[in-house]
C-alpha cells in the first residue's frame, strides 16, 4: 500500500510541475492527435507551408522540478488534445537573477517560462 501511495505522489509531482495556458485560435479538438505524433519545431526551424495556427501556448514550471524536456512534452500533450500535430517553440526563458534571489530568500518559486504556437500541418 505504501508503494502505491509513493507512486501516486511521484506521478502528481511529475505531472503537476508544468502548467500550460492556451488561447485557442481554431477548434480542432474533435480530431485529437496522439502526443507521440506531435512534432516540435525549435527556434530557427522552418515552419512548413500550409500550416494553420490552432492555439497560442504559454508554459511555466518551477525551475527546481522541471527542465526543457518537461515543458516540450507538456506542449506536445496539450497541442495534441487541441488537434494540432506540430508545436513551434518561440521562446524558452530561465528565471532571472532577481527571481532566483527572491526564491532563495523568501522561499518563493522561480519559474522557467516558454511560449509556443500549436499548428496543424497537412
PDB file of N, CA and C in Angstrom:
ATOM      1  N   UNK A   1       0.822  -1.189   0.000  1.00  0.00           N
ATOM      2  CA  UNK A   1       0.000   0.000   0.000  1.00  0.00           C
ATOM      3  C   UNK A   1       0.872   1.261   0.000  1.00  0.00           C
ATOM      4  N   UNK A   2       1.959   1.212   0.759  1.00  0.00           N
ATOM      5  CA  UNK A   2       2.848   2.369   0.825  1.00  0.00           C
ATOM      6  C   UNK A   2       3.489   2.629  -0.536  1.00  0.00           C
ATOM      7  N   UNK A   3       3.824   1.566  -1.286  1.00  0.00           N
ATOM      8  CA  UNK A   3       4.409   1.739  -2.622  1.00  0.00           C
ATOM      9  C   UNK A   3       3.425   2.421  -3.553  1.00  0.00           C
ATOM     10  N   UNK A   4       2.160   2.072  -3.476  1.00  0.00           N
ATOM     11  CA  UNK A   4       1.146   2.696  -4.329  1.00  0.00           C
ATOM     12  C   UNK A   4       1.018   4.175  -4.003  1.00  0.00           C
ATOM     13  N   UNK A   5       1.034   4.516  -2.719  1.00  0.00           N
ATOM     14  CA  UNK A   5       0.946   5.919  -2.319  1.00  0.00           C
ATOM     15  C   UNK A   5       2.168   6.699  -2.786  1.00  0.00           C
ATOM     16  N   UNK A   6       3.345   6.097  -2.664  1.00  0.00           N
ATOM     17  CA  UNK A   6       4.576   6.747  -3.124  1.00  0.00           C
ATOM     18  C   UNK A   6       4.521   6.960  -4.626  1.00  0.00           C
ATOM     19  N   UNK A   7       4.068   5.967  -5.366  1.00  0.00           N
ATOM     20  CA  UNK A   7       3.938   6.090  -6.818  1.00  0.00           C
ATOM     21  C   UNK A   7       2.980   7.194  -7.200  1.00  0.00           C
ATOM     22  N   UNK A   8       1.875   7.322  -6.466  1.00  0.00           N
ATOM     23  CA  UNK A   8       0.901   8.374  -6.735  1.00  0.00           C
ATOM     24  C   UNK A   8       1.503   9.749  -6.484  1.00  0.00           C
ATOM     25  N   UNK A   9       2.257   9.895  -5.419  1.00  0.00           N
ATOM     26  CA  UNK A   9       2.907  11.175  -5.123  1.00  0.00           C
ATOM     27  C   UNK A   9       3.888  11.534  -6.223  1.00  0.00           C
ATOM     28  N   UNK A  10       4.669  10.582  -6.674  1.00  0.00           N
ATOM     29  CA  UNK A  10       5.631  10.834  -7.754  1.00  0.00           C
ATOM     30  C   UNK A  10       4.901  11.238  -9.021  1.00  0.00           C
ATOM     31  N   UNK A  11       3.803  10.566  -9.351  1.00  0.00           N
ATOM     32  CA  UNK A  11       3.031  10.892 -10.538  1.00  0.00           C
ATOM     33  C   UNK A  11       2.460  12.301 -10.449  1.00  0.00           C
ATOM     34  N   UNK A  12       1.911  12.672  -9.314  1.00  0.00           N
ATOM     35  CA  UNK A  12       1.343  14.012  -9.131  1.00  0.00           C
ATOM     36  C   UNK A  12       2.425  15.067  -9.253  1.00  0.00           C
ATOM     37  N   UNK A  13       3.570  14.840  -8.638  1.00  0.00           N
ATOM     38  CA  UNK A  13       4.670  15.807  -8.716  1.00  0.00           C
ATOM     39  C   UNK A  13       5.168  15.933 -10.150  1.00  0.00           C
ATOM     40  N   UNK A  14       5.337  14.806 -10.828  1.00  0.00           N
ATOM     41  CA  UNK A  14       5.867  14.840 -12.194  1.00  0.00           C
ATOM     42  C   UNK A  14       4.923  15.527 -13.166  1.00  0.00           C
ATOM     43  N   UNK A  15       3.617  15.312 -13.027  1.00  0.00           N
ATOM     44  CA  UNK A  15       2.677  15.895 -13.972  1.00  0.00           C
ATOM     45  C   UNK A  15       2.215  17.278 -13.537  1.00  0.00           C
ATOM     46  N   UNK A  16       2.374  17.616 -12.286  1.00  0.00           N
ATOM     47  CA  UNK A  16       1.896  18.895 -11.796  1.00  0.00           C
ATOM     48  C   UNK A  16       2.916  20.002 -11.861  1.00  0.00           C
ATOM     49  N   UNK A  17       4.096  19.723 -12.384  1.00  0.00           N
ATOM     50  CA  UNK A  17       5.163  20.711 -12.366  1.00  0.00           C
ATOM     51  C   UNK A  17       5.056  21.740 -13.482  1.00  0.00           C
ATOM     52  N   UNK A  18       4.454  21.381 -14.594  1.00  0.00           N
ATOM     53  CA  UNK A  18       4.343  22.297 -15.725  1.00  0.00           C
ATOM     54  C   UNK A  18       2.872  22.619 -15.955  1.00  0.00           C
ATOM     55  N   UNK A  19       2.559  23.901 -16.016  1.00  0.00           N
ATOM     56  CA  UNK A  19       1.207  24.320 -16.361  1.00  0.00           C
ATOM     57  C   UNK A  19       1.236  25.001 -17.718  1.00  0.00           C
ATOM     58  N   UNK A  20       0.190  24.778 -18.490  1.00  0.00           N
ATOM     59  CA  UNK A  20       0.083  25.374 -19.821  1.00  0.00           C
ATOM     60  C   UNK A  20      -1.220  26.146 -19.910  1.00  0.00           C
ATOM     61  N   UNK A  21      -1.107  27.415 -20.283  1.00  0.00           N
ATOM     62  CA  UNK A  21      -2.276  28.233 -20.583  1.00  0.00           C
ATOM     63  C   UNK A  21      -2.411  28.285 -22.096  1.00  0.00           C
ATOM     64  N   UNK A  22      -3.659  28.219 -22.577  1.00  0.00           N
ATOM     65  CA  UNK A  22      -3.899  28.152 -24.012  1.00  0.00           C
ATOM     66  C   UNK A  22      -4.851  29.253 -24.447  1.00  0.00           C
ATOM     67  N   UNK A  23      -4.589  29.793 -25.627  1.00  0.00           N
ATOM     68  CA  UNK A  23      -5.540  30.646 -26.315  1.00  0.00           C
ATOM     69  C   UNK A  23      -5.860  29.930 -27.615  1.00  0.00           C
ATOM     70  N   UNK A  24      -7.062  29.362 -27.699  1.00  0.00           N
ATOM     71  CA  UNK A  24      -7.446  28.578 -28.865  1.00  0.00           C
ATOM     72  C   UNK A  24      -7.839  29.521 -29.995  1.00  0.00           C
ATOM     73  N   UNK A  25      -7.227  29.309 -31.153  1.00  0.00           N
ATOM     74  CA  UNK A  25      -7.499  30.125 -32.331  1.00  0.00           C
ATOM     75  C   UNK A  25      -8.407  29.396 -33.318  1.00  0.00           C
ATOM     76  N   UNK A  26      -8.357  28.071 -33.295  1.00  0.00           N
ATOM     77  CA  UNK A  26      -9.123  27.252 -34.222  1.00  0.00           C
ATOM     78  C   UNK A  26      -9.502  25.965 -33.499  1.00  0.00           C
ATOM     79  N   UNK A  27     -10.774  25.666 -33.444  1.00  0.00           N
ATOM     80  CA  UNK A  27     -11.236  24.493 -32.699  1.00  0.00           C
ATOM     81  C   UNK A  27     -11.088  23.232 -33.551  1.00  0.00           C
ATOM     82  N   UNK A  28     -10.087  22.430 -33.212  1.00  0.00           N
ATOM     83  CA  UNK A  28      -9.850  21.155 -33.890  1.00  0.00           C
ATOM     84  C   UNK A  28      -9.879  20.007 -32.880  1.00  0.00           C
ATOM     85  N   UNK A  29     -10.412  20.259 -31.682  1.00  0.00           N
ATOM     86  CA  UNK A  29     -10.377  19.276 -30.601  1.00  0.00           C
ATOM     87  C   UNK A  29     -11.137  17.993 -30.936  1.00  0.00           C
ATOM     88  N   UNK A  30     -11.996  18.032 -31.955  1.00  0.00           N
ATOM     89  CA  UNK A  30     -12.731  16.824 -32.328  1.00  0.00           C
ATOM     90  C   UNK A  30     -11.840  15.822 -33.065  1.00  0.00           C
ATOM     91  N   UNK A  31     -10.610  16.230 -33.389  1.00  0.00           N
ATOM     92  CA  UNK A  31      -9.656  15.342 -34.060  1.00  0.00           C
ATOM     93  C   UNK A  31      -8.314  15.374 -33.325  1.00  0.00           C
ATOM     94  N   UNK A  32      -8.284  14.864 -32.072  1.00  0.00           N
ATOM     95  CA  UNK A  32      -7.030  14.906 -31.305  1.00  0.00           C
ATOM     96  C   UNK A  32      -5.922  14.099 -31.979  1.00  0.00           C
ATOM     97  N   UNK A  33      -4.696  14.497 -31.686  1.00  0.00           N
ATOM     98  CA  UNK A  33      -3.507  13.847 -32.243  1.00  0.00           C
ATOM     99  C   UNK A  33      -2.732  13.226 -31.078  1.00  0.00           C
ATOM    100  N   UNK A  34      -2.329  11.943 -31.186  1.00  0.00           N
ATOM    101  CA  UNK A  34      -1.540  11.334 -30.108  1.00  0.00           C
ATOM    102  C   UNK A  34      -0.251  12.131 -29.851  1.00  0.00           C
ATOM    103  N   UNK A  35       0.087  12.272 -28.597  1.00  0.00           N
ATOM    104  CA  UNK A  35       1.270  13.037 -28.199  1.00  0.00           C
ATOM    105  C   UNK A  35       2.516  12.608 -28.967  1.00  0.00           C
ATOM    106  N   UNK A  36       2.668  11.331 -29.185  1.00  0.00           N
ATOM    107  CA  UNK A  36       3.859  10.823 -29.861  1.00  0.00           C
ATOM    108  C   UNK A  36       3.935  11.245 -31.327  1.00  0.00           C
ATOM    109  N   UNK A  37       2.823  11.713 -31.889  1.00  0.00           N
ATOM    110  CA  UNK A  37       2.804  12.138 -33.281  1.00  0.00           C
ATOM    111  C   UNK A  37       2.896  13.652 -33.447  1.00  0.00           C
ATOM    112  N   UNK A  38       3.031  14.384 -32.327  1.00  0.00           N
ATOM    113  CA  UNK A  38       3.155  15.838 -32.390  1.00  0.00           C
ATOM    114  C   UNK A  38       4.642  16.179 -32.498  1.00  0.00           C
ATOM    115  N   UNK A  39       4.999  16.859 -33.590  1.00  0.00           N
ATOM    116  CA  UNK A  39       6.392  17.229 -33.838  1.00  0.00           C
ATOM    117  C   UNK A  39       6.720  18.560 -33.177  1.00  0.00           C
ATOM    118  N   UNK A  40       7.999  18.735 -32.851  1.00  0.00           N
ATOM    119  CA  UNK A  40       8.483  20.007 -32.305  1.00  0.00           C
ATOM    120  C   UNK A  40       9.325  20.729 -33.338  1.00  0.00           C
ATOM    121  N   UNK A  41       9.091  22.020 -33.462  1.00  0.00           N
ATOM    122  CA  UNK A  41       9.945  22.894 -34.263  1.00  0.00           C
ATOM    123  C   UNK A  41      10.636  23.829 -33.285  1.00  0.00           C
ATOM    124  N   UNK A  42      11.944  23.805 -33.262  1.00  0.00           N
ATOM    125  CA  UNK A  42      12.706  24.662 -32.359  1.00  0.00           C
ATOM    126  C   UNK A  42      12.989  25.998 -33.030  1.00  0.00           C
ATOM    127  N   UNK A  43      13.345  27.025 -32.240  1.00  0.00           N
ATOM    128  CA  UNK A  43      13.673  28.319 -32.851  1.00  0.00           C
ATOM    129  C   UNK A  43      14.718  28.135 -33.950  1.00  0.00           C
ATOM    130  N   UNK A  44      14.449  28.730 -35.102  1.00  0.00           N
ATOM    131  CA  UNK A  44      15.341  28.596 -36.246  1.00  0.00           C
ATOM    132  C   UNK A  44      14.865  27.555 -37.250  1.00  0.00           C
ATOM    133  N   UNK A  45      14.007  26.611 -36.810  1.00  0.00           N
ATOM    134  CA  UNK A  45      13.436  25.639 -37.745  1.00  0.00           C
ATOM    135  C   UNK A  45      12.408  26.337 -38.627  1.00  0.00           C
ATOM    136  N   UNK A  46      12.278  25.879 -39.847  1.00  0.00           N
ATOM    137  CA  UNK A  46      11.332  26.471 -40.784  1.00  0.00           C
ATOM    138  C   UNK A  46       9.963  25.806 -40.631  1.00  0.00           C
ATOM    139  N   UNK A  47       8.917  26.638 -40.558  1.00  0.00           N
ATOM    140  CA  UNK A  47       7.552  26.126 -40.486  1.00  0.00           C
ATOM    141  C   UNK A  47       7.136  25.713 -41.902  1.00  0.00           C
ATOM    142  N   UNK A  48       6.680  24.474 -42.069  1.00  0.00           N
ATOM    143  CA  UNK A  48       6.251  24.032 -43.394  1.00  0.00           C
ATOM    144  C   UNK A  48       5.099  24.892 -43.935  1.00  0.00           C
ATOM    145  N   UNK A  49       5.031  24.992 -45.259  1.00  0.00           N
ATOM    146  CA  UNK A  49       3.949  25.758 -45.882  1.00  0.00           C
ATOM    147  C   UNK A  49       2.613  25.080 -45.630  1.00  0.00           C
ATOM    148  N   UNK A  50       1.578  25.889 -45.545  1.00  0.00           N
ATOM    149  CA  UNK A  50       0.228  25.369 -45.404  1.00  0.00           C
ATOM    150  C   UNK A  50      -0.199  25.077 -43.978  1.00  0.00           C
ATOM    151  N   UNK A  51       0.660  25.331 -43.005  1.00  0.00           N
ATOM    152  CA  UNK A  51       0.294  25.078 -41.609  1.00  0.00           C
ATOM    153  C   UNK A  51      -0.716  26.125 -41.130  1.00  0.00           C
ATOM    154  N   UNK A  52      -1.642  25.694 -40.296  1.00  0.00           N
ATOM    155  CA  UNK A  52      -2.648  26.577 -39.722  1.00  0.00           C
ATOM    156  C   UNK A  52      -2.420  26.681 -38.219  1.00  0.00           C
ATOM    157  N   UNK A  53      -2.546  27.882 -37.692  1.00  0.00           N
ATOM    158  CA  UNK A  53      -2.401  28.082 -36.248  1.00  0.00           C
ATOM    159  C   UNK A  53      -3.645  27.557 -35.534  1.00  0.00           C
ATOM    160  N   UNK A  54      -3.414  26.755 -34.505  1.00  0.00           N
ATOM    161  CA  UNK A  54      -4.500  26.187 -33.717  1.00  0.00           C
ATOM    162  C   UNK A  54      -4.612  26.910 -32.375  1.00  0.00           C
ATOM    163  N   UNK A  55      -3.474  27.209 -31.742  1.00  0.00           N
ATOM    164  CA  UNK A  55      -3.506  27.844 -30.423  1.00  0.00           C
ATOM    165  C   UNK A  55      -2.164  28.481 -30.100  1.00  0.00           C
ATOM    166  N   UNK A  56      -2.224  29.450 -29.202  1.00  0.00           N
ATOM    167  CA  UNK A  56      -1.027  30.042 -28.601  1.00  0.00           C
ATOM    168  C   UNK A  56      -0.878  29.378 -27.234  1.00  0.00           C
ATOM    169  N   UNK A  57       0.316  28.903 -26.930  1.00  0.00           N
ATOM    170  CA  UNK A  57       0.569  28.184 -25.679  1.00  0.00           C
ATOM    171  C   UNK A  57       1.609  28.915 -24.845  1.00  0.00           C
ATOM    172  N   UNK A  58       1.377  28.968 -23.544  1.00  0.00           N
ATOM    173  CA  UNK A  58       2.344  29.521 -22.599  1.00  0.00           C
ATOM    174  C   UNK A  58       2.521  28.494 -21.488  1.00  0.00           C
ATOM    175  N   UNK A  59       3.762  28.051 -21.269  1.00  0.00           N
ATOM    176  CA  UNK A  59       4.053  27.066 -20.229  1.00  0.00           C
ATOM    177  C   UNK A  59       4.930  27.682 -19.156  1.00  0.00           C
ATOM    178  N   UNK A  60       4.722  27.200 -17.944  1.00  0.00           N
ATOM    179  CA  UNK A  60       5.502  27.660 -16.809  1.00  0.00           C
ATOM    180  C   UNK A  60       5.727  26.476 -15.877  1.00  0.00           C
ATOM    181  N   UNK A  61       6.952  26.380 -15.351  1.00  0.00           N
ATOM    182  CA  UNK A  61       7.259  25.306 -14.420  1.00  0.00           C
ATOM    183  C   UNK A  61       8.379  25.713 -13.481  1.00  0.00           C
ATOM    184  N   UNK A  62       8.276  25.274 -12.249  1.00  0.00           N
ATOM    185  CA  UNK A  62       9.289  25.577 -11.243  1.00  0.00           C
ATOM    186  C   UNK A  62      10.644  25.059 -11.716  1.00  0.00           C
ATOM    187  N   UNK A  63      11.636  25.925 -11.717  1.00  0.00           N
ATOM    188  CA  UNK A  63      12.968  25.576 -12.207  1.00  0.00           C
ATOM    189  C   UNK A  63      13.560  24.390 -11.462  1.00  0.00           C
ATOM    190  N   UNK A  64      13.233  24.242 -10.181  1.00  0.00           N
ATOM    191  CA  UNK A  64      13.795  23.151  -9.390  1.00  0.00           C
ATOM    192  C   UNK A  64      13.224  21.781  -9.773  1.00  0.00           C
ATOM    193  N   UNK A  65      12.046  21.754 -10.377  1.00  0.00           N
ATOM    194  CA  UNK A  65      11.377  20.481 -10.654  1.00  0.00           C
ATOM    195  C   UNK A  65      11.138  20.214 -12.133  1.00  0.00           C
ATOM    196  N   UNK A  66      11.479  21.154 -13.008  1.00  0.00           N
ATOM    197  CA  UNK A  66      11.239  20.954 -14.438  1.00  0.00           C
ATOM    198  C   UNK A  66      12.485  21.293 -15.246  1.00  0.00           C
ATOM    199  N   UNK A  67      12.523  20.734 -16.438  1.00  0.00           N
ATOM    200  CA  UNK A  67      13.549  21.120 -17.388  1.00  0.00           C
ATOM    201  C   UNK A  67      12.866  21.354 -18.733  1.00  0.00           C
ATOM    202  N   UNK A  68      13.644  21.678 -19.751  1.00  0.00           N
ATOM    203  CA  UNK A  68      13.057  21.975 -21.054  1.00  0.00           C
ATOM    204  C   UNK A  68      12.284  20.783 -21.607  1.00  0.00           C
ATOM    205  N   UNK A  69      12.765  19.585 -21.372  1.00  0.00           N
ATOM    206  CA  UNK A  69      12.079  18.391 -21.869  1.00  0.00           C
ATOM    207  C   UNK A  69      10.680  18.278 -21.289  1.00  0.00           C
ATOM    208  N   UNK A  70      10.525  18.574 -20.000  1.00  0.00           N
ATOM    209  CA  UNK A  70       9.202  18.535 -19.376  1.00  0.00           C
ATOM    210  C   UNK A  70       8.254  19.513 -20.066  1.00  0.00           C
ATOM    211  N   UNK A  71       8.748  20.700 -20.345  1.00  0.00           N
ATOM    212  CA  UNK A  71       7.917  21.714 -20.994  1.00  0.00           C
ATOM    213  C   UNK A  71       7.579  21.289 -22.419  1.00  0.00           C
ATOM    214  N   UNK A  72       8.558  20.796 -23.170  1.00  0.00           N
ATOM    215  CA  UNK A  72       8.298  20.333 -24.534  1.00  0.00           C
ATOM    216  C   UNK A  72       7.243  19.223 -24.539  1.00  0.00           C
ATOM    217  N   UNK A  73       7.372  18.274 -23.626  1.00  0.00           N
ATOM    218  CA  UNK A  73       6.413  17.168 -23.562  1.00  0.00           C
ATOM    219  C   UNK A  73       5.014  17.659 -23.226  1.00  0.00           C
ATOM    220  N   UNK A  74       4.916  18.621 -22.320  1.00  0.00           N
ATOM    221  CA  UNK A  74       3.600  19.164 -21.958  1.00  0.00           C
ATOM    222  C   UNK A  74       2.998  19.925 -23.132  1.00  0.00           C
ATOM    223  N   UNK A  75       3.816  20.683 -23.869  1.00  0.00           N
ATOM    224  CA  UNK A  75       3.331  21.355 -25.077  1.00  0.00           C
ATOM    225  C   UNK A  75       2.786  20.326 -26.076  1.00  0.00           C
ATOM    226  N   UNK A  76       3.526  19.253 -26.299  1.00  0.00           N
ATOM    227  CA  UNK A  76       3.097  18.231 -27.252  1.00  0.00           C
ATOM    228  C   UNK A  76       1.776  17.602 -26.815  1.00  0.00           C
ATOM    229  N   UNK A  77       1.649  17.328 -25.524  1.00  0.00           N
ATOM    230  CA  UNK A  77       0.424  16.736 -24.990  1.00  0.00           C
ATOM    231  C   UNK A  77      -0.772  17.675 -25.194  1.00  0.00           C
ATOM    232  N   UNK A  78      -0.607  18.934 -24.806  1.00  0.00           N
ATOM    233  CA  UNK A  78      -1.711  19.898 -24.911  1.00  0.00           C
ATOM    234  C   UNK A  78      -2.055  20.201 -26.363  1.00  0.00           C
ATOM    235  N   UNK A  79      -1.054  20.319 -27.226  1.00  0.00           N
ATOM    236  CA  UNK A  79      -1.303  20.576 -28.639  1.00  0.00           C
ATOM    237  C   UNK A  79      -2.079  19.418 -29.258  1.00  0.00           C
ATOM    238  N   UNK A  80      -1.692  18.204 -28.934  1.00  0.00           N
ATOM    239  CA  UNK A  80      -2.390  17.034 -29.452  1.00  0.00           C
ATOM    240  C   UNK A  80      -3.857  17.015 -29.053  1.00  0.00           C
ATOM    241  N   UNK A  81      -4.141  17.372 -27.811  1.00  0.00           N
ATOM    242  CA  UNK A  81      -5.536  17.431 -27.349  1.00  0.00           C
ATOM    243  C   UNK A  81      -6.347  18.434 -28.162  1.00  0.00           C
ATOM    244  N   UNK A  82      -5.685  19.490 -28.632  1.00  0.00           N
ATOM    245  CA  UNK A  82      -6.354  20.533 -29.399  1.00  0.00           C
ATOM    246  C   UNK A  82      -6.443  20.200 -30.887  1.00  0.00           C
ATOM    247  N   UNK A  83      -5.865  19.071 -31.312  1.00  0.00           N
ATOM    248  CA  UNK A  83      -5.897  18.675 -32.712  1.00  0.00           C
ATOM    249  C   UNK A  83      -4.733  19.200 -33.528  1.00  0.00           C
ATOM    250  N   UNK A  84      -3.702  19.676 -32.867  1.00  0.00           N
ATOM    251  CA  UNK A  84      -2.503  20.161 -33.556  1.00  0.00           C
ATOM    252  C   UNK A  84      -1.496  19.016 -33.673  1.00  0.00           C
ATOM    253  N   UNK A  85      -0.729  19.009 -34.769  1.00  0.00           N
ATOM    254  CA  UNK A  85       0.271  17.952 -34.944  1.00  0.00           C
ATOM    255  C   UNK A  85       1.701  18.491 -34.924  1.00  0.00           C
ATOM    256  N   UNK A  86       1.832  19.798 -34.666  1.00  0.00           N
ATOM    257  CA  UNK A  86       3.147  20.429 -34.621  1.00  0.00           C
ATOM    258  C   UNK A  86       3.134  21.531 -33.570  1.00  0.00           C
ATOM    259  N   UNK A  87       4.252  21.680 -32.868  1.00  0.00           N
ATOM    260  CA  UNK A  87       4.421  22.785 -31.917  1.00  0.00           C
ATOM    261  C   UNK A  87       5.664  23.562 -32.326  1.00  0.00           C
ATOM    262  N   UNK A  88       5.476  24.850 -32.559  1.00  0.00           N
ATOM    263  CA  UNK A  88       6.598  25.737 -32.868  1.00  0.00           C
ATOM    264  C   UNK A  88       7.004  26.457 -31.583  1.00  0.00           C
ATOM    265  N   UNK A  89       8.168  26.121 -31.045  1.00  0.00           N
ATOM    266  CA  UNK A  89       8.663  26.766 -29.834  1.00  0.00           C
ATOM    267  C   UNK A  89       9.148  28.167 -30.208  1.00  0.00           C
ATOM    268  N   UNK A  90       8.636  29.162 -29.513  1.00  0.00           N
ATOM    269  CA  UNK A  90       9.034  30.541 -29.775  1.00  0.00           C
ATOM    270  C   UNK A  90      10.109  31.016 -28.805  1.00  0.00           C
ATOM    271  N   UNK A  91       9.900  30.777 -27.516  1.00  0.00           N
ATOM    272  CA  UNK A  91      10.871  31.212 -26.505  1.00  0.00           C
ATOM    273  C   UNK A  91      10.977  30.169 -25.399  1.00  0.00           C
ATOM    274  N   UNK A  92      12.116  30.168 -24.737  1.00  0.00           N
ATOM    275  CA  UNK A  92      12.342  29.366 -23.533  1.00  0.00           C
ATOM    276  C   UNK A  92      13.226  30.220 -22.638  1.00  0.00           C
ATOM    277  N   UNK A  93      12.695  30.644 -21.497  1.00  0.00           N
ATOM    278  CA  UNK A  93      13.433  31.551 -20.616  1.00  0.00           C
ATOM    279  C   UNK A  93      13.565  30.964 -19.224  1.00  0.00           C
ATOM    280  N   UNK A  94      14.790  30.947 -18.732  1.00  0.00           N
ATOM    281  CA  UNK A  94      15.041  30.564 -17.352  1.00  0.00           C
ATOM    282  C   UNK A  94      14.782  31.783 -16.473  1.00  0.00           C
ATOM    283  N   UNK A  95      14.541  31.570 -15.181  1.00  0.00           N
ATOM    284  CA  UNK A  95      14.310  32.712 -14.300  1.00  0.00           C
ATOM    285  C   UNK A  95      15.538  33.618 -14.224  1.00  0.00           C
ATOM    286  N   UNK A  96      15.291  34.897 -14.044  1.00  0.00           N
ATOM    287  CA  UNK A  96      16.367  35.863 -13.923  1.00  0.00           C
ATOM    288  C   UNK A  96      16.995  35.828 -12.535  1.00  0.00           C
ATOM    289  N   UNK A  97      18.072  36.568 -12.385  1.00  0.00           N
ATOM    290  CA  UNK A  97      18.806  36.598 -11.117  1.00  0.00           C
ATOM    291  C   UNK A  97      17.925  37.073  -9.972  1.00  0.00           C
ATOM    292  N   UNK A  98      17.147  38.123 -10.207  1.00  0.00           N
ATOM    293  CA  UNK A  98      16.270  38.653  -9.155  1.00  0.00           C
ATOM    294  C   UNK A  98      15.264  37.629  -8.683  1.00  0.00           C
ATOM    295  N   UNK A  99      14.683  36.898  -9.632  1.00  0.00           N
ATOM    296  CA  UNK A  99      13.703  35.878  -9.284  1.00  0.00           C
ATOM    297  C   UNK A  99      14.360  34.744  -8.501  1.00  0.00           C
ATOM    298  N   UNK A 100      15.579  34.383  -8.874  1.00  0.00           N
ATOM    299  CA  UNK A 100      16.302  33.323  -8.156  1.00  0.00           C
ATOM    300  C   UNK A 100      16.668  33.755  -6.735  1.00  0.00           C
ATOM    301  N   UNK A 101      17.104  35.015  -6.577  1.00  0.00           N
ATOM    302  CA  UNK A 101      17.443  35.533  -5.246  1.00  0.00           C
ATOM    303  C   UNK A 101      16.199  35.556  -4.371  1.00  0.00           C
ATOM    304  N   UNK A 102      15.077  36.056  -4.921  1.00  0.00           N
ATOM    305  CA  UNK A 102      13.820  36.091  -4.163  1.00  0.00           C
ATOM    306  C   UNK A 102      13.395  34.684  -3.764  1.00  0.00           C
ATOM    307  N   UNK A 103      13.593  33.736  -4.673  1.00  0.00           N
ATOM    308  CA  UNK A 103      13.239  32.357  -4.376  1.00  0.00           C
ATOM    309  C   UNK A 103      14.053  31.820  -3.206  1.00  0.00           C
ATOM    310  N   UNK A 104      15.352  32.107  -3.219  1.00  0.00           N
ATOM    311  CA  UNK A 104      16.227  31.611  -2.154  1.00  0.00           C
ATOM    312  C   UNK A 104      15.927  32.274  -0.814  1.00  0.00           C
ATOM    313  N   UNK A 105      15.674  33.587  -0.841  1.00  0.00           N
ATOM    314  CA  UNK A 105      15.467  34.326   0.400  1.00  0.00           C
ATOM    315  C   UNK A 105      14.054  34.191   0.960  1.00  0.00           C
ATOM    316  N   UNK A 106      13.075  34.179   0.068  1.00  0.00           N
ATOM    317  CA  UNK A 106      11.682  34.202   0.503  1.00  0.00           C
ATOM    318  C   UNK A 106      10.975  32.861   0.382  1.00  0.00           C
ATOM    319  N   UNK A 107      11.641  31.904  -0.227  1.00  0.00           N
ATOM    320  CA  UNK A 107      11.028  30.590  -0.380  1.00  0.00           C
ATOM    321  C   UNK A 107       9.968  30.542  -1.477  1.00  0.00           C
ATOM    322  N   UNK A 108       9.985  31.502  -2.381  1.00  0.00           N
ATOM    323  CA  UNK A 108       9.036  31.502  -3.495  1.00  0.00           C
ATOM    324  C   UNK A 108       9.584  30.625  -4.620  1.00  0.00           C
ATOM    325  N   UNK A 109       8.770  30.409  -5.628  1.00  0.00           N
ATOM    326  CA  UNK A 109       9.242  29.608  -6.761  1.00  0.00           C
ATOM    327  C   UNK A 109       9.915  30.509  -7.791  1.00  0.00           C
ATOM    328  N   UNK A 110      10.816  29.918  -8.536  1.00  0.00           N
ATOM    329  CA  UNK A 110      11.413  30.606  -9.679  1.00  0.00           C
ATOM    330  C   UNK A 110      11.075  29.762 -10.898  1.00  0.00           C
ATOM    331  N   UNK A 111      10.296  30.349 -11.801  1.00  0.00           N
ATOM    332  CA  UNK A 111       9.743  29.593 -12.913  1.00  0.00           C
ATOM    333  C   UNK A 111      10.530  29.734 -14.207  1.00  0.00           C
ATOM    334  N   UNK A 112      10.565  28.632 -14.938  1.00  0.00           N
ATOM    335  CA  UNK A 112      11.056  28.599 -16.318  1.00  0.00           C
ATOM    336  C   UNK A 112       9.803  28.803 -17.170  1.00  0.00           C
ATOM    337  N   UNK A 113       9.854  29.719 -18.137  1.00  0.00           N
ATOM    338  CA  UNK A 113       8.699  30.039 -18.959  1.00  0.00           C
ATOM    339  C   UNK A 113       8.989  29.796 -20.431  1.00  0.00           C
ATOM    340  N   UNK A 114       7.947  29.452 -21.172  1.00  0.00           N
ATOM    341  CA  UNK A 114       8.106  29.209 -22.596  1.00  0.00           C
ATOM    342  C   UNK A 114       6.826  29.582 -23.333  1.00  0.00           C
ATOM    343  N   UNK A 115       6.999  30.056 -24.568  1.00  0.00           N
ATOM    344  CA  UNK A 115       5.881  30.396 -25.449  1.00  0.00           C
ATOM    345  C   UNK A 115       5.985  29.519 -26.683  1.00  0.00           C
ATOM    346  N   UNK A 116       4.828  29.109 -27.220  1.00  0.00           N
ATOM    347  CA  UNK A 116       4.811  28.275 -28.421  1.00  0.00           C
ATOM    348  C   UNK A 116       3.507  28.493 -29.177  1.00  0.00           C
ATOM    349  N   UNK A 117       3.517  28.040 -30.424  1.00  0.00           N
ATOM    350  CA  UNK A 117       2.317  28.060 -31.256  1.00  0.00           C
ATOM    351  C   UNK A 117       2.005  26.614 -31.621  1.00  0.00           C
ATOM    352  N   UNK A 118       0.758  26.200 -31.379  1.00  0.00           N
ATOM    353  CA  UNK A 118       0.298  24.883 -31.803  1.00  0.00           C
ATOM    354  C   UNK A 118      -0.203  25.024 -33.236  1.00  0.00           C
ATOM    355  N   UNK A 119       0.256  24.131 -34.108  1.00  0.00           N
ATOM    356  CA  UNK A 119      -0.067  24.208 -35.535  1.00  0.00           C
ATOM    357  C   UNK A 119      -0.662  22.882 -36.022  1.00  0.00           C
ATOM    358  N   UNK A 120      -1.497  22.986 -37.061  1.00  0.00           N
ATOM    359  CA  UNK A 120      -1.881  21.790 -37.804  1.00  0.00           C
ATOM    360  C   UNK A 120      -1.245  21.922 -39.165  1.00  0.00           C
ATOM    361  N   UNK A 121      -0.347  20.982 -39.487  1.00  0.00           N
ATOM    362  CA  UNK A 121       0.358  20.993 -40.769  1.00  0.00           C
ATOM    363  C   UNK A 121      -0.074  19.774 -41.572  1.00  0.00           C
ATOM    364  N   UNK A 122      -0.631  19.994 -42.765  1.00  0.00           N
ATOM    365  CA  UNK A 122      -1.092  18.862 -43.588  1.00  0.00           C
ATOM    366  C   UNK A 122       0.070  18.002 -44.070  1.00  0.00           C
TER     367      UNK A 122
END
